[in-house]
Amino acid sequence: MAGSYVNQVRLVGRVSDVGEARQLPSGDTVHAWRLVVPREDKATRSGRKQPDVIDVVCWSAVTRRAAGRLQIGQDVEVEGALRRRFFRTAAGVGSRYEVEVRNLTRLRIESLP
């Protein structure tokens, strides 16, 4: 089955937090930020659509520079892969899912659903 597995993510949404680049103890640099994507299929009881808030990370120099120019509220398209990251906390080991960006494109969309 080698070669038949796929881990591809494509998201179009709005930047909700531009985050910042930071250096990790390993010496690697990562720029973490957040993307909001409204759900099209389901509204809450109040009639408002529930958004998904997604953690996004940029590891390459190219994507970190692009992320560094983002503004809150800006529409973007992200292509990458879903990753699960493990880390230590005071309570023990924690984990979270995030999208690792390969391509980041700023969009000019009048409105998203």
Protein backbone atom coordinates (compact mmCIF):
# COMPACT_ATOMS: atom_id res chain seq x y z
CA MET A 1 0.00 0.00 0.00
CA ALA A 2 3.01 2.31 -0.01
CA GLY A 3 2.24 5.50 -1.89
CA SER A 4 -1.53 5.29 -1.46
CA TYR A 5 -1.73 7.23 1.81
CA VAL A 6 -2.49 10.95 1.67
CA ASN A 7 -2.16 13.71 4.24
CA GLN A 8 -3.20 16.87 2.39
CA VAL A 9 -5.03 19.85 3.80
CA ARG A 10 -6.46 22.82 1.89
CA LEU A 11 -8.16 25.57 3.87
CA VAL A 12 -9.57 28.94 2.89
CA GLY A 13 -10.42 31.26 5.74
CA ARG A 14 -9.59 34.40 7.71
CA VAL A 15 -6.58 35.08 9.88
CA SER A 16 -7.73 35.47 13.50
CA ASP A 17 -4.33 35.70 15.16
CA VAL A 18 -1.07 36.54 13.37
CA GLY A 19 1.07 34.97 16.09
CA GLU A 20 4.81 35.35 15.87
CA ALA A 21 7.96 33.49 14.95
CA ARG A 22 9.81 31.92 17.85
CA GLN A 23 12.90 29.86 18.25
CA LEU A 24 12.51 26.45 19.86
CA PRO A 25 15.02 24.86 22.24
CA SER A 26 16.08 22.64 19.32
CA GLY A 27 17.22 25.75 17.43
CA ASP A 28 14.42 25.47 14.84
CA THR A 29 12.22 28.49 14.18
CA VAL A 30 8.45 28.22 13.80
CA HIS A 31 5.73 30.81 13.17
CA ALA A 32 2.41 29.73 14.73
CA TRP A 33 -0.86 31.53 13.99
CA ARG A 34 -4.61 30.85 13.75
CA LEU A 35 -7.09 30.56 10.91
CA VAL A 36 -10.89 30.73 11.20
CA VAL A 37 -12.97 28.76 8.71
CA PRO A 38 -16.77 29.09 8.97
CA ARG A 39 -18.72 25.84 8.83
CA GLU A 40 -21.15 25.83 5.95
CA ASP A 41 -23.25 22.90 7.09
CA LYS A 42 -24.37 23.76 10.60
CA ALA A 43 -25.67 26.81 12.45
CA THR A 44 -25.96 27.21 16.21
CA ARG A 45 -29.30 27.68 17.97
CA SER A 46 -28.90 31.44 17.59
CA GLY A 47 -28.66 31.00 13.81
CA ARG A 48 -24.98 31.91 13.66
CA LYS A 49 -22.62 29.57 11.90
CA GLN A 50 -20.06 27.87 14.09
CA PRO A 51 -16.49 28.45 12.88
CA ASP A 52 -13.52 26.13 13.19
CA VAL A 53 -10.45 27.82 14.67
CA ILE A 54 -7.37 26.03 13.38
CA ASP A 55 -3.79 26.23 14.62
CA VAL A 56 -1.39 26.72 11.73
CA VAL A 57 2.42 26.49 11.76
CA CYS A 58 5.04 27.61 9.26
CA TRP A 59 8.45 25.94 9.47
CA SER A 60 10.16 26.92 6.21
CA ALA A 61 11.79 30.33 5.79
CA VAL A 62 9.49 31.12 2.85
CA THR A 63 6.26 30.36 4.71
CA ARG A 64 7.50 32.07 7.91
CA ARG A 65 8.16 35.28 5.93
CA ALA A 66 4.70 35.08 4.33
CA ALA A 67 3.09 34.51 7.75
CA GLY A 68 5.00 37.48 9.13
CA ARG A 69 3.17 39.75 6.67
CA LEU A 70 -0.33 38.54 7.53
CA GLN A 71 -2.93 40.82 9.08
CA ILE A 72 -5.89 39.92 11.28
CA GLY A 73 -9.01 39.56 9.14
CA GLN A 74 -7.08 38.83 5.96
CA ASP A 75 -8.40 36.05 3.71
CA VAL A 76 -5.86 33.32 2.96
CA GLU A 77 -5.53 29.91 1.37
CA VAL A 78 -3.34 27.36 3.12
CA GLU A 79 -2.08 24.08 1.71
CA GLY A 80 -0.19 21.62 3.84
CA ALA A 81 -0.51 18.57 6.06
CA LEU A 82 -2.17 17.76 9.36
CA ARG A 83 0.35 17.08 12.12
CA ARG A 84 0.01 15.98 15.73
CA ARG A 85 2.55 17.63 18.02
CA PHE A 86 3.46 16.37 21.48
CA PHE A 87 4.83 18.59 24.25
CA ARG A 88 5.42 18.57 27.99
CA THR A 89 3.26 20.51 30.43
CA ALA A 90 3.19 20.76 34.22
CA ALA A 91 0.40 18.16 34.15
CA GLY A 92 2.31 15.76 31.90
CA VAL A 93 2.49 15.19 28.16
CA GLY A 94 0.03 17.09 25.98
CA SER A 95 -0.72 17.03 22.27
CA ARG A 96 -2.50 19.10 19.66
CA TYR A 97 -3.25 18.94 15.98
CA GLU A 98 -2.09 21.71 13.69
CA VAL A 99 -1.71 22.31 9.97
CA GLU A 100 1.88 22.48 8.76
CA VAL A 101 1.93 24.93 5.84
CA ARG A 102 3.63 24.19 2.53
CA ASN A 103 1.96 27.01 0.58
CA LEU A 104 0.36 30.19 1.89
CA THR A 105 -1.53 32.54 -0.43
CA ARG A 106 -3.13 35.84 0.55
CA LEU A 107 -6.52 36.23 -1.17
CA ARG A 108 -8.73 39.08 -2.19
CA ILE A 109 -12.17 37.66 -1.45
CA GLU A 110 -15.06 40.04 -0.93
CA SER A 111 -16.78 37.73 1.52
CA LEU A 112 -16.61 34.16 2.70
CA PRO A 113 -19.70 32.22 3.78
